[in-house]
PDB file of N, CA and C in Angstrom:
ATOM      1  N   MET A   1     105.471 123.536  94.678  1.00  0.00           N
ATOM      2  CA  MET A   1     105.970 123.753  93.342  1.00  0.00           C
ATOM      3  C   MET A   1     104.733 124.594  92.632  1.00  0.00           C
ATOM      4  N   ALA A   2     104.731 125.283  91.697  1.00  0.00           N
ATOM      5  CA  ALA A   2     103.411 125.703  91.125  1.00  0.00           C
ATOM      6  C   ALA A   2     103.530 125.680  90.086  1.00  0.00           C
ATOM      7  N   ILE A   3     102.603 124.686  89.059  1.00  0.00           N
ATOM      8  CA  ILE A   3     102.701 124.219  87.942  1.00  0.00           C
ATOM      9  C   ILE A   3     101.984 124.571  86.982  1.00  0.00           C
ATOM     10  N   HIS A   4     101.821 124.781  85.643  1.00  0.00           N
ATOM     11  CA  HIS A   4     100.883 125.425  84.352  1.00  0.00           C
ATOM     12  C   HIS A   4     101.065 124.631  83.126  1.00  0.00           C
ATOM     13  N   LEU A   5      99.680 124.038  82.808  1.00  0.00           N
ATOM     14  CA  LEU A   5      99.760 123.664  81.371  1.00  0.00           C
ATOM     15  C   LEU A   5      99.696 124.238  80.323  1.00  0.00           C
ATOM     16  N   VAL A   6     100.539 123.729  79.118  1.00  0.00           N
ATOM     17  CA  VAL A   6     101.352 124.709  78.070  1.00  0.00           C
ATOM     18  C   VAL A   6     100.818 124.121  76.805  1.00  0.00           C
ATOM     19  N   PRO A   7      99.657 124.273  76.094  1.00  0.00           N
ATOM     20  CA  PRO A   7      99.270 123.413  75.017  1.00  0.00           C
ATOM     21  C   PRO A   7     100.381 123.034  73.991  1.00  0.00           C
ATOM     22  N   VAL A   8     100.402 121.727  73.521  1.00  0.00           N
ATOM     23  CA  VAL A   8     101.704 121.758  72.134  1.00  0.00           C
ATOM     24  C   VAL A   8     100.725 121.397  71.224  1.00  0.00           C
ATOM     25  N   ASN A   9     101.306 122.329  69.958  1.00  0.00           N
ATOM     26  CA  ASN A   9     100.764 122.321  68.922  1.00  0.00           C
ATOM     27  C   ASN A   9     101.591 121.388  67.841  1.00  0.00           C
ATOM     28  N   SER A  10     100.950 120.566  67.715  1.00  0.00           N
ATOM     29  CA  SER A  10     102.000 119.510  66.636  1.00  0.00           C
ATOM     30  C   SER A  10     101.146 118.707  66.014  1.00  0.00           C
ATOM     31  N   ASP A  11     101.374 118.478  64.715  1.00  0.00           N
ATOM     32  CA  ASP A  11     100.652 117.273  63.664  1.00  0.00           C
ATOM     33  C   ASP A  11     101.346 116.038  63.896  1.00  0.00           C
ATOM     34  N   LYS A  12     101.623 115.792  64.849  1.00  0.00           N
ATOM     35  CA  LYS A  12     102.238 114.341  65.260  1.00  0.00           C
ATOM     36  C   LYS A  12     101.436 113.580  66.146  1.00  0.00           C
ATOM     37  N   GLU A  13     100.947 112.528  65.651  1.00  0.00           N
ATOM     38  CA  GLU A  13      99.914 111.481  66.358  1.00  0.00           C
ATOM     39  C   GLU A  13     100.360 111.557  67.415  1.00  0.00           C
ATOM     40  N   ARG A  14     101.751 111.377  68.307  1.00  0.00           N
ATOM     41  CA  ARG A  14     102.087 110.720  69.343  1.00  0.00           C
ATOM     42  C   ARG A  14     102.813 111.826  70.113  1.00  0.00           C
ATOM     43  N   ALA A  15     102.178 113.574  70.048  1.00  0.00           N
ATOM     44  CA  ALA A  15     102.659 114.459  70.352  1.00  0.00           C
ATOM     45  C   ALA A  15     102.013 114.759  71.884  1.00  0.00           C
ATOM     46  N   PRO A  16     102.228 114.963  72.599  1.00  0.00           N
ATOM     47  CA  PRO A  16     101.682 115.476  74.125  1.00  0.00           C
ATOM     48  C   PRO A  16     100.611 116.382  73.386  1.00  0.00           C
ATOM     49  N   LYS A  17      99.233 116.366  74.445  1.00  0.00           N
ATOM     50  CA  LYS A  17      98.812 117.161  74.335  1.00  0.00           C
ATOM     51  C   LYS A  17      99.068 118.614  75.147  1.00  0.00           C
ATOM     52  N   TYR A  18      99.536 118.553  76.250  1.00  0.00           N
ATOM     53  CA  TYR A  18     100.216 119.373  77.245  1.00  0.00           C
ATOM     54  C   TYR A  18     101.535 118.885  77.494  1.00  0.00           C
ATOM     55  N   GLU A  19     102.503 120.190  78.038  1.00  0.00           N
ATOM     56  CA  GLU A  19     103.541 120.191  78.401  1.00  0.00           C
ATOM     57  C   GLU A  19     102.938 120.625  80.126  1.00  0.00           C
ATOM     58  N   ILE A  20     103.923 120.189  80.923  1.00  0.00           N
ATOM     59  CA  ILE A  20     103.434 120.404  82.653  1.00  0.00           C
ATOM     60  C   ILE A  20     104.879 121.036  82.574  1.00  0.00           C
ATOM     61  N   CYS A  21     104.821 122.741  82.915  1.00  0.00           N
ATOM     62  CA  CYS A  21     105.724 123.638  83.234  1.00  0.00           C
ATOM     63  C   CYS A  21     106.003 124.017  84.743  1.00  0.00           C
ATOM     64  N   ALA A  22     106.737 124.242  84.737  1.00  0.00           N
ATOM     65  CA  ALA A  22     107.364 125.393  86.423  1.00  0.00           C
ATOM     66  C   ALA A  22     108.229 126.299  86.041  1.00  0.00           C
ATOM     67  N   ARG A  23     108.347 127.027  86.954  1.00  0.00           N
ATOM     68  CA  ARG A  23     109.203 127.928  86.587  1.00  0.00           C
ATOM     69  C   ARG A  23     110.728 127.763  87.538  1.00  0.00           C
ATOM     70  N   SER A  24     111.683 127.480  87.083  1.00  0.00           N
ATOM     71  CA  SER A  24     112.929 127.919  87.845  1.00  0.00           C
ATOM     72  C   SER A  24     113.135 129.050  88.772  1.00  0.00           C
ATOM     73  N   PRO A  25     114.245 128.948  90.134  1.00  0.00           N
ATOM     74  CA  PRO A  25     114.668 130.159  90.814  1.00  0.00           C
ATOM     75  C   PRO A  25     114.803 131.265  90.200  1.00  0.00           C
ATOM     76  N   SER A  26     115.311 131.197  88.801  1.00  0.00           N
ATOM     77  CA  SER A  26     115.621 132.356  87.818  1.00  0.00           C
ATOM     78  C   SER A  26     114.162 132.338  87.295  1.00  0.00           C
ATOM     79  N   GLY A  27     113.487 132.060  87.186  1.00  0.00           N
ATOM     80  CA  GLY A  27     112.370 132.287  86.707  1.00  0.00           C
ATOM     81  C   GLY A  27     112.046 131.937  85.073  1.00  0.00           C
ATOM     82  N   ALA A  28     112.845 130.838  84.489  1.00  0.00           N
ATOM     83  CA  ALA A  28     112.481 130.598  83.579  1.00  0.00           C
ATOM     84  C   ALA A  28     111.930 129.305  83.435  1.00  0.00           C
ATOM     85  N   ARG A  29     110.705 129.151  82.676  1.00  0.00           N
ATOM     86  CA  ARG A  29     110.202 128.103  82.132  1.00  0.00           C
ATOM     87  C   ARG A  29     110.460 126.920  81.987  1.00  0.00           C
ATOM     88  N   VAL A  30     110.640 125.724  82.637  1.00  0.00           N
ATOM     89  CA  VAL A  30     111.003 124.758  82.546  1.00  0.00           C
ATOM     90  C   VAL A  30     109.851 123.675  82.485  1.00  0.00           C
ATOM     91  N   GLN A  31     110.178 122.335  81.690  1.00  0.00           N
ATOM     92  CA  GLN A  31     109.082 121.888  81.261  1.00  0.00           C
ATOM     93  C   GLN A  31     109.529 120.138  82.594  1.00  0.00           C
ATOM     94  N   VAL A  32     108.632 119.766  83.043  1.00  0.00           N
ATOM     95  CA  VAL A  32     108.630 119.196  84.524  1.00  0.00           C
ATOM     96  C   VAL A  32     107.755 117.542  83.941  1.00  0.00           C
ATOM     97  N   GLY A  33     106.980 117.556  82.835  1.00  0.00           N
ATOM     98  CA  GLY A  33     106.154 116.388  82.671  1.00  0.00           C
ATOM     99  C   GLY A  33     105.348 117.041  81.238  1.00  0.00           C
ATOM    100  N   ALA A  34     104.499 115.589  81.171  1.00  0.00           N
ATOM    101  CA  ALA A  34     103.466 115.728  79.595  1.00  0.00           C
ATOM    102  C   ALA A  34     102.505 115.192  80.443  1.00  0.00           C
ATOM    103  N   LEU A  35     101.264 115.284  79.433  1.00  0.00           N
ATOM    104  CA  LEU A  35     100.100 114.840  79.256  1.00  0.00           C
ATOM    105  C   LEU A  35      99.635 114.367  77.774  1.00  0.00           C
ATOM    106  N   TRP A  36      99.412 113.227  77.827  1.00  0.00           N
ATOM    107  CA  TRP A  36      98.668 112.843  76.320  1.00  0.00           C
ATOM    108  C   TRP A  36      97.405 112.499  76.584  1.00  0.00           C
ATOM    109  N   GLU A  37      96.426 112.654  75.582  1.00  0.00           N
ATOM    110  CA  GLU A  37      94.712 112.981  75.618  1.00  0.00           C
ATOM    111  C   GLU A  37      94.596 111.419  75.311  1.00  0.00           C
ATOM    112  N   GLN A  38      93.791 110.279  75.765  1.00  0.00           N
ATOM    113  CA  GLN A  38      93.571 108.760  76.093  1.00  0.00           C
ATOM    114  C   GLN A  38      92.074 108.992  75.984  1.00  0.00           C
ATOM    115  N   THR A  39      91.677 108.255  75.512  1.00  0.00           N
ATOM    116  CA  THR A  39      90.007 107.811  75.776  1.00  0.00           C
ATOM    117  C   THR A  39      89.753 106.328  76.486  1.00  0.00           C
ATOM    118  N   ALA A  40      88.584 106.455  77.287  1.00  0.00           N
ATOM    119  CA  ALA A  40      88.809 105.222  78.193  1.00  0.00           C
ATOM    120  C   ALA A  40      87.949 103.927  77.216  1.00  0.00           C
ATOM    121  N   LYS A  41      88.412 103.456  77.068  1.00  0.00           N
ATOM    122  CA  LYS A  41      87.625 101.766  76.735  1.00  0.00           C
ATOM    123  C   LYS A  41      86.399 101.805  76.535  1.00  0.00           C
ATOM    124  N   ALA A  42      85.875 101.892  78.107  1.00  0.00           N
ATOM    125  CA  ALA A  42      84.771 101.562  78.485  1.00  0.00           C
ATOM    126  C   ALA A  42      83.604 102.906  78.197  1.00  0.00           C
ATOM    127  N   THR A  43      83.899 103.559  78.213  1.00  0.00           N
ATOM    128  CA  THR A  43      82.725 104.745  78.165  1.00  0.00           C
ATOM    129  C   THR A  43      83.450 105.768  77.063  1.00  0.00           C
ATOM    130  N   GLY A  44      84.274 105.924  76.795  1.00  0.00           N
ATOM    131  CA  GLY A  44      84.507 106.517  75.612  1.00  0.00           C
ATOM    132  C   GLY A  44      85.004 107.860  75.767  1.00  0.00           C
ATOM    133  N   GLU A  45      84.882 108.163  77.498  1.00  0.00           N
ATOM    134  CA  GLU A  45      85.397 109.550  77.890  1.00  0.00           C
ATOM    135  C   GLU A  45      86.971 109.659  77.524  1.00  0.00           C
ATOM    136  N   CYS A  46      87.228 110.844  77.144  1.00  0.00           N
ATOM    137  CA  CYS A  46      88.430 111.588  76.474  1.00  0.00           C
ATOM    138  C   CYS A  46      88.920 111.996  78.195  1.00  0.00           C
ATOM    139  N   PHE A  47      90.421 111.743  78.660  1.00  0.00           N
ATOM    140  CA  PHE A  47      90.826 112.160  79.816  1.00  0.00           C
ATOM    141  C   PHE A  47      92.366 112.511  79.612  1.00  0.00           C
ATOM    142  N   LEU A  48      93.068 113.405  79.862  1.00  0.00           N
ATOM    143  CA  LEU A  48      94.561 113.404  80.129  1.00  0.00           C
ATOM    144  C   LEU A  48      95.427 112.570  81.161  1.00  0.00           C
ATOM    145  N   GLN A  49      96.613 111.807  80.700  1.00  0.00           N
ATOM    146  CA  GLN A  49      97.094 110.748  81.163  1.00  0.00           C
ATOM    147  C   GLN A  49      98.922 111.250  81.046  1.00  0.00           C
ATOM    148  N   GLY A  50      99.653 111.515  82.128  1.00  0.00           N
ATOM    149  CA  GLY A  50     100.986 111.404  81.715  1.00  0.00           C
ATOM    150  C   GLY A  50     101.654 111.418  83.271  1.00  0.00           C
ATOM    151  N   ARG A  51     102.890 112.016  83.004  1.00  0.00           N
ATOM    152  CA  ARG A  51     103.902 112.364  84.671  1.00  0.00           C
ATOM    153  C   ARG A  51     104.569 113.492  84.654  1.00  0.00           C
ATOM    154  N   LEU A  52     104.819 113.484  86.378  1.00  0.00           N
ATOM    155  CA  LEU A  52     105.266 114.775  86.491  1.00  0.00           C
ATOM    156  C   LEU A  52     106.842 114.381  86.838  1.00  0.00           C
ATOM    157  N   GLU A  53     108.057 114.602  86.638  1.00  0.00           N
ATOM    158  CA  GLU A  53     109.177 114.000  86.738  1.00  0.00           C
ATOM    159  C   GLU A  53     109.728 115.563  87.129  1.00  0.00           C
ATOM    160  N   ASP A  54     110.787 115.834  88.385  1.00  0.00           N
ATOM    161  CA  ASP A  54     111.417 116.592  88.600  1.00  0.00           C
ATOM    162  C   ASP A  54     112.553 116.595  89.336  1.00  0.00           C
ATOM    163  N   PRO A  55     114.022 117.124  89.260  1.00  0.00           N
ATOM    164  CA  PRO A  55     114.735 116.478  90.320  1.00  0.00           C
ATOM    165  C   PRO A  55     114.514 116.889  91.878  1.00  0.00           C
ATOM    166  N   SER A  56     113.324 117.677  92.060  1.00  0.00           N
ATOM    167  CA  SER A  56     113.160 118.393  93.469  1.00  0.00           C
ATOM    168  C   SER A  56     112.586 117.052  93.838  1.00  0.00           C
ATOM    169  N   LEU A  57     111.413 116.455  93.452  1.00  0.00           N
ATOM    170  CA  LEU A  57     110.702 115.527  93.473  1.00  0.00           C
ATOM    171  C   LEU A  57     111.641 113.977  94.245  1.00  0.00           C
ATOM    172  N   PRO A  58     110.999 113.846  95.179  1.00  0.00           N
ATOM    173  CA  PRO A  58     111.771 112.090  95.228  1.00  0.00           C
ATOM    174  C   PRO A  58     111.528 111.113  94.571  1.00  0.00           C
ATOM    175  N   ASN A  59     110.328 110.842  93.807  1.00  0.00           N
ATOM    176  CA  ASN A  59     109.867 110.112  92.718  1.00  0.00           C
ATOM    177  C   ASN A  59     109.129 110.508  91.611  1.00  0.00           C
ATOM    178  N   GLN A  60     108.633 109.968  90.812  1.00  0.00           N
ATOM    179  CA  GLN A  60     107.954 110.121  89.481  1.00  0.00           C
ATOM    180  C   GLN A  60     106.858 109.869  90.231  1.00  0.00           C
ATOM    181  N   VAL A  61     105.392 110.939  89.287  1.00  0.00           N
ATOM    182  CA  VAL A  61     104.173 111.027  89.706  1.00  0.00           C
ATOM    183  C   VAL A  61     103.187 110.605  88.419  1.00  0.00           C
ATOM    184  N   GLN A  62     102.799 109.637  88.236  1.00  0.00           N
ATOM    185  CA  GLN A  62     102.106 109.162  87.349  1.00  0.00           C
ATOM    186  C   GLN A  62     100.356 110.142  87.284  1.00  0.00           C
ATOM    187  N   ILE A  63      99.847 110.927  86.760  1.00  0.00           N
ATOM    188  CA  ILE A  63      98.873 111.469  86.923  1.00  0.00           C
ATOM    189  C   ILE A  63      97.543 111.065  85.534  1.00  0.00           C
ATOM    190  N   SER A  64      96.551 111.148  86.182  1.00  0.00           N
ATOM    191  CA  SER A  64      95.374 110.795  85.050  1.00  0.00           C
ATOM    192  C   SER A  64      94.205 112.198  85.307  1.00  0.00           C
ATOM    193  N   ALA A  65      93.995 113.032  84.519  1.00  0.00           N
ATOM    194  CA  ALA A  65      92.984 114.533  85.038  1.00  0.00           C
ATOM    195  C   ALA A  65      91.327 114.583  83.896  1.00  0.00           C
ATOM    196  N   PHE A  66      90.546 114.439  84.688  1.00  0.00           N
ATOM    197  CA  PHE A  66      89.611 113.954  83.933  1.00  0.00           C
ATOM    198  C   PHE A  66      88.644 115.541  84.056  1.00  0.00           C
ATOM    199  N   ARG A  67      88.048 115.874  82.709  1.00  0.00           N
ATOM    200  CA  ARG A  67      87.942 117.317  82.866  1.00  0.00           C
ATOM    201  C   ARG A  67      86.560 117.356  83.388  1.00  0.00           C
ATOM    202  N   GLN A  68      86.180 118.209  83.839  1.00  0.00           N
ATOM    203  CA  GLN A  68      84.366 118.335  84.510  1.00  0.00           C
ATOM    204  C   GLN A  68      84.072 119.309  83.846  1.00  0.00           C
ATOM    205  N   ASP A  69      82.479 119.587  84.220  1.00  0.00           N
ATOM    206  CA  ASP A  69      81.528 120.210  83.610  1.00  0.00           C
ATOM    207  C   ASP A  69      81.761 121.703  83.401  1.00  0.00           C
ATOM    208  N   ASP A  70      82.468 122.177  84.623  1.00  0.00           N
ATOM    209  CA  ASP A  70      82.747 123.692  84.843  1.00  0.00           C
ATOM    210  C   ASP A  70      84.096 123.753  83.769  1.00  0.00           C
ATOM    211  N   GLY A  71      84.936 122.795  83.509  1.00  0.00           N
ATOM    212  CA  GLY A  71      85.998 123.133  82.754  1.00  0.00           C
ATOM    213  C   GLY A  71      87.453 123.084  83.417  1.00  0.00           C
ATOM    214  N   SER A  72      87.126 122.509  84.705  1.00  0.00           N
ATOM    215  CA  SER A  72      88.393 122.156  85.675  1.00  0.00           C
ATOM    216  C   SER A  72      88.635 120.702  85.360  1.00  0.00           C
ATOM    217  N   TYR A  73      89.606 120.380  86.241  1.00  0.00           N
ATOM    218  CA  TYR A  73      89.958 118.640  86.196  1.00  0.00           C
ATOM    219  C   TYR A  73      90.387 118.169  87.621  1.00  0.00           C
ATOM    220  N   ASN A  74      89.260 116.994  87.638  1.00  0.00           N
ATOM    221  CA  ASN A  74      89.517 116.125  88.446  1.00  0.00           C
ATOM    222  C   ASN A  74      90.916 115.425  88.690  1.00  0.00           C
ATOM    223  N   VAL A  75      92.047 115.895  89.353  1.00  0.00           N
ATOM    224  CA  VAL A  75      93.401 115.225  89.171  1.00  0.00           C
ATOM    225  C   VAL A  75      93.565 114.015  90.227  1.00  0.00           C
ATOM    226  N   VAL A  76      93.934 112.888  89.363  1.00  0.00           N
ATOM    227  CA  VAL A  76      94.063 111.599  90.042  1.00  0.00           C
ATOM    228  C   VAL A  76      95.582 111.664  89.932  1.00  0.00           C
ATOM    229  N   TRP A  77      96.487 111.147  91.144  1.00  0.00           N
ATOM    230  CA  TRP A  77      98.114 111.273  91.393  1.00  0.00           C
ATOM    231  C   TRP A  77      98.404 110.280  92.018  1.00  0.00           C
ATOM    232  N   GLN A  78      99.462 109.311  91.224  1.00  0.00           N
ATOM    233  CA  GLN A  78     100.068 108.432  92.117  1.00  0.00           C
ATOM    234  C   GLN A  78     101.602 108.302  91.964  1.00  0.00           C
ATOM    235  N   GLU A  79     102.335 108.124  93.357  1.00  0.00           N
ATOM    236  CA  GLU A  79     103.637 108.622  93.356  1.00  0.00           C
ATOM    237  C   GLU A  79     104.160 107.170  93.103  1.00  0.00           C
ATOM    238  N   GLN A  80     105.322 107.215  92.014  1.00  0.00           N
ATOM    239  CA  GLN A  80     105.990 106.031  91.570  1.00  0.00           C
ATOM    240  C   GLN A  80     106.847 105.562  92.469  1.00  0.00           C
ATOM    241  N   ARG A  81     107.058 104.864  93.508  1.00  0.00           N
ATOM    242  CA  ARG A  81     108.427 104.719  93.819  1.00  0.00           C
ATOM    243  C   ARG A  81     109.344 103.823  93.312  1.00  0.00           C
ATOM    244  N   ARG A  82     110.708 104.187  93.639  1.00  0.00           N
ATOM    245  CA  ARG A  82     111.816 103.774  93.095  1.00  0.00           C
ATOM    246  C   ARG A  82     112.419 102.746  94.165  1.00  0.00           C
ATOM    247  N   ALA A  83     112.953 101.601  93.322  1.00  0.00           N
ATOM    248  CA  ALA A  83     113.573 100.629  94.144  1.00  0.00           C
ATOM    249  C   ALA A  83     114.882 101.669  95.134  1.00  0.00           C
ATOM    250  N   LYS A  84     115.259 100.931  96.134  1.00  0.00           N
ATOM    251  CA  LYS A  84     115.859 101.523  96.683  1.00  0.00           C
ATOM    252  C   LYS A  84     117.570 100.703  96.138  1.00  0.00           C
ATOM    253  N   ASN A  85     117.373  99.521  95.928  1.00  0.00           N
ATOM    254  CA  ASN A  85     118.648  99.205  95.194  1.00  0.00           C
ATOM    255  C   ASN A  85     118.245  98.597  93.733  1.00  0.00           C
ATOM    256  N   ALA A  86     118.722  99.288  92.939  1.00  0.00           N
ATOM    257  CA  ALA A  86     118.140  98.345  91.546  1.00  0.00           C
ATOM    258  C   ALA A  86     118.594  97.147  91.062  1.00  0.00           C
ATOM    259  N   PHE A  87     119.758  96.824  91.796  1.00  0.00           N
ATOM    260  CA  PHE A  87     120.274  95.468  91.636  1.00  0.00           C
ATOM    261  C   PHE A  87     119.926  94.518  92.803  1.00  0.00           C
ATOM    262  N   ALA A  88     119.028  94.850  93.745  1.00  0.00           N
ATOM    263  CA  ALA A  88     119.019  93.958  94.812  1.00  0.00           C
ATOM    264  C   ALA A  88     118.553  92.571  94.231  1.00  0.00           C
ATOM    265  N   ALA A  89     117.724  92.731  93.528  1.00  0.00           N
ATOM    266  CA  ALA A  89     116.903  91.243  92.831  1.00  0.00           C
ATOM    267  C   ALA A  89     118.389  90.338  92.075  1.00  0.00           C
ATOM    268  N   ASN A  90     119.414  91.247  91.806  1.00  0.00           N
ATOM    269  CA  ASN A  90     120.367  90.090  91.784  1.00  0.00           C
ATOM    270  C   ASN A  90     121.341  90.142  92.305  1.00  0.00           C
ATOM    271  N   ASP A  91     120.963  90.486  93.762  1.00  0.00           N
ATOM    272  CA  ASP A  91     122.498  90.253  94.799  1.00  0.00           C
ATOM    273  C   ASP A  91     122.668  88.935  94.853  1.00  0.00           C
ATOM    274  N   ARG A  92     121.489  87.749  94.664  1.00  0.00           N
ATOM    275  CA  ARG A  92     121.749  86.294  95.142  1.00  0.00           C
ATOM    276  C   ARG A  92     122.307  85.528  94.158  1.00  0.00           C
ATOM    277  N   GLN A  93     122.610  86.207  92.721  1.00  0.00           N
ATOM    278  CA  GLN A  93     122.891  85.496  91.682  1.00  0.00           C
ATOM    279  C   GLN A  93     124.811  85.394  91.619  1.00  0.00           C
ATOM    280  N   ALA A  94     125.074  84.302  90.924  1.00  0.00           N
ATOM    281  CA  ALA A  94     126.655  84.413  90.901  1.00  0.00           C
ATOM    282  C   ALA A  94     126.922  85.549  90.437  1.00  0.00           C
ATOM    283  N   ASP A  95     128.238  86.381  90.324  1.00  0.00           N
ATOM    284  CA  ASP A  95     129.249  87.314  89.734  1.00  0.00           C
ATOM    285  C   ASP A  95     129.726  86.737  88.695  1.00  0.00           C
ATOM    286  N   PRO A  96     129.139  87.025  87.451  1.00  0.00           N
ATOM    287  CA  PRO A  96     129.643  86.039  86.424  1.00  0.00           C
ATOM    288  C   PRO A  96     131.028  86.789  86.205  1.00  0.00           C
ATOM    289  N   PHE A  97     131.509  87.637  86.310  1.00  0.00           N
ATOM    290  CA  PHE A  97     132.779  87.798  86.518  1.00  0.00           C
ATOM    291  C   PHE A  97     134.020  87.101  87.678  1.00  0.00           C
ATOM    292  N   THR A  98     133.241  86.644  88.588  1.00  0.00           N
ATOM    293  CA  THR A  98     134.577  86.449  89.671  1.00  0.00           C
ATOM    294  C   THR A  98     134.073  84.712  89.801  1.00  0.00           C
ATOM    295  N   ALA A  99     133.105  84.410  89.417  1.00  0.00           N
ATOM    296  CA  ALA A  99     132.104  82.757  89.651  1.00  0.00           C
ATOM    297  C   ALA A  99     132.945  81.941  88.647  1.00  0.00           C
ATOM    298  N   ALA A 100     133.825  80.571  89.903  1.00  0.00           N
ATOM    299  CA  ALA A 100     134.301  80.026  88.809  1.00  0.00           C
ATOM    300  C   ALA A 100     133.594  79.245  87.992  1.00  0.00           C
ATOM    301  N   ALA A 101     134.705  78.561  86.770  1.00  0.00           N
ATOM    302  CA  ALA A 101     134.412  77.967  85.673  1.00  0.00           C
ATOM    303  C   ALA A 101     134.234  76.473  86.042  1.00  0.00           C
TER     304      ALA A 101
END
């Protein structure tokens, strides 16, 4: 998937800095994520952080992007694995609808 960043022009403090967009098979621009500007507490360095979500991807991808001196970005990403069964932790608990009173 080829993606590109689209700047977001907003006066809202919590608005993302960029939308992450891709092209659908029909050629339409589709937003598949967003990046917010963050500041590192230890160094004061500004960087972008957000996520990429798309139905064609098996899992959500967390992204951090650090601007380099030449204007490019050094990107660090981590796939967020989804639980195979969201109810697995509750399998051992009694079902409140069938448990004896």
